[in-house]
Protein backbone atom coordinates (compact mmCIF):
# COMPACT_ATOMS: atom_id res chain seq x y z
CA UNK A 1 12.36 16.21 19.97
CA UNK A 2 15.68 17.26 18.47
CA UNK A 3 17.81 17.66 21.59
CA UNK A 4 20.75 19.72 20.25
CA UNK A 5 18.55 22.46 18.77
CA UNK A 6 15.55 22.06 21.07
CA UNK A 7 13.12 21.95 18.14
CA UNK A 8 10.64 19.25 17.35
CA UNK A 9 11.40 17.09 14.30
CA UNK A 10 7.90 15.64 13.67
CA UNK A 11 9.21 12.40 12.22
CA UNK A 12 7.45 9.12 11.57
CA UNK A 13 7.53 7.97 15.21
CA UNK A 14 5.87 11.19 16.38
CA UNK A 15 3.09 10.62 13.85
CA UNK A 16 2.62 7.01 14.99
CA UNK A 17 2.58 8.16 18.60
CA UNK A 18 -0.04 10.79 17.72
CA UNK A 19 -2.25 8.17 16.04
CA UNK A 20 -1.85 5.81 18.98
CA UNK A 21 -2.85 8.48 21.48
CA UNK A 22 -5.75 9.68 19.32
CA UNK A 23 -7.31 6.24 18.91
CA UNK A 24 -6.76 5.37 22.56
CA UNK A 25 -8.49 8.61 23.57
CA UNK A 26 -11.32 7.78 21.15
CA UNK A 27 -11.71 4.36 22.78
CA UNK A 28 -11.87 5.90 26.25
CA UNK A 29 -14.32 8.56 25.04
CA UNK A 30 -16.62 5.81 23.79
CA UNK A 31 -16.18 3.73 26.95
CA UNK A 32 -16.46 6.29 29.75
CA UNK A 33 -19.85 7.03 31.30
CA UNK A 34 -19.21 10.76 30.88
CA UNK A 35 -18.54 10.22 27.15
CA UNK A 36 -20.78 7.96 25.08
CA UNK A 37 -21.12 5.45 27.94
CA UNK A 38 -20.81 2.26 25.88
CA UNK A 39 -18.49 0.38 28.21
CA UNK A 40 -15.03 -0.97 27.37
CA UNK A 41 -16.12 -3.75 24.99
CA UNK A 42 -18.58 -1.74 22.93
CA UNK A 43 -16.27 1.27 23.03
CA UNK A 44 -13.43 -0.84 21.64
CA UNK A 45 -15.65 -2.20 18.84
CA UNK A 46 -16.97 1.26 17.96
CA UNK A 47 -13.53 2.88 17.96
CA UNK A 48 -12.19 -0.04 15.87
CA UNK A 49 -14.89 0.56 13.25
CA UNK A 50 -14.05 4.26 13.13
CA UNK A 51 -10.34 3.45 12.81
CA UNK A 52 -10.99 1.00 9.97
CA UNK A 53 -13.17 3.55 8.20
CA UNK A 54 -10.38 6.12 8.58
CA UNK A 55 -7.76 3.83 7.00
CA UNK A 56 -9.99 2.12 4.41
CA UNK A 57 -8.91 4.34 1.44
CA UNK A 58 -5.28 3.37 2.00
CA UNK A 59 -6.17 -0.31 2.35
CA UNK A 60 -8.31 -0.30 -0.80
CA UNK A 61 -5.58 1.47 -2.77
CA UNK A 62 -2.93 -1.05 -1.68
CA UNK A 63 -5.22 -3.97 -2.59
CA UNK A 64 -5.81 -2.49 -6.05
CA UNK A 65 -2.06 -2.17 -6.59
CA UNK A 66 -1.61 -5.79 -5.49
CA UNK A 67 -4.25 -6.99 -7.96
CA UNK A 68 -2.59 -5.05 -10.78
CA UNK A 69 0.77 -6.61 -9.93
CA UNK A 70 -0.79 -10.10 -10.03
CA UNK A 71 -2.25 -9.33 -13.45
CA UNK A 72 1.14 -8.18 -14.75
CA UNK A 73 3.02 -11.18 -13.34
CA UNK A 74 2.48 -13.53 -16.34
CA UNK A 75 3.78 -10.81 -18.68
CA UNK A 76 6.89 -10.41 -16.54
CA UNK A 77 7.59 -14.15 -16.60
CA UNK A 78 7.24 -14.24 -20.37
CA UNK A 79 9.51 -11.23 -20.80
CA UNK A 80 12.13 -12.76 -18.49
CA UNK A 81 11.97 -16.05 -20.39
CA UNK A 82 12.41 -14.28 -23.72
CA UNK A 83 15.32 -12.26 -22.29
CA UNK A 84 17.02 -15.49 -21.19
CA UNK A 85 16.38 -17.04 -24.59
CA UNK A 86 17.75 -14.02 -26.45
CA UNK A 87 20.78 -13.69 -24.18
CA UNK A 88 21.69 -17.31 -24.97
CA UNK A 89 21.42 -16.50 -28.68
CA UNK A 90 23.53 -13.36 -28.29
CA UNK A 91 20.84 -10.85 -29.30
CA UNK A 92 21.54 -7.27 -28.22
CA UNK A 93 19.51 -5.57 -25.49
CA UNK A 94 18.24 -2.88 -27.88
CA UNK A 95 16.63 -5.39 -30.23
CA UNK A 96 15.21 -7.27 -27.23
CA UNK A 97 13.59 -4.09 -25.89
CA UNK A 98 12.10 -3.39 -29.30
CA UNK A 99 10.70 -6.93 -29.45
CA UNK A 100 9.14 -6.62 -25.96
CA UNK A 101 7.59 -3.28 -26.89
CA UNK A 102 6.08 -4.75 -30.07
CA UNK A 103 4.69 -7.75 -28.17
CA UNK A 104 3.06 -5.46 -25.58
CA UNK A 105 1.53 -3.26 -28.29
CA UNK A 106 0.08 -6.31 -30.03
CA UNK A 107 -1.44 -7.53 -26.75
CA UNK A 108 -3.04 -4.19 -26.02
CA UNK A 109 -4.51 -4.02 -29.51
CA UNK A 110 -5.88 -7.54 -29.09
CA UNK A 111 -7.51 -6.69 -25.71
CA UNK A 112 -9.40 -3.68 -27.06
């Protein structure tokens, strides 16, 4: 809550607090006899599966980005090595960028 104005700010911590309360309430709903009546252990496992299913699109997306970064890593090392080599020779940055662009285009044509 924003104390000077008296209005709520709805920042990141409020969102995390909301998620914490929601999943805790879900666990208790699964565990209580008046809810699903699974008991604490089974309720925790069931609510954990629901939580993982809720966050699985974000996890899958981040893993895909990580795999793409690993695939691009050898290209980055080669580009950095060529930049070091060209900087020692005194080649301008513009010609280096043109060379890197040509090398990438040739690779993409070779992969197709």
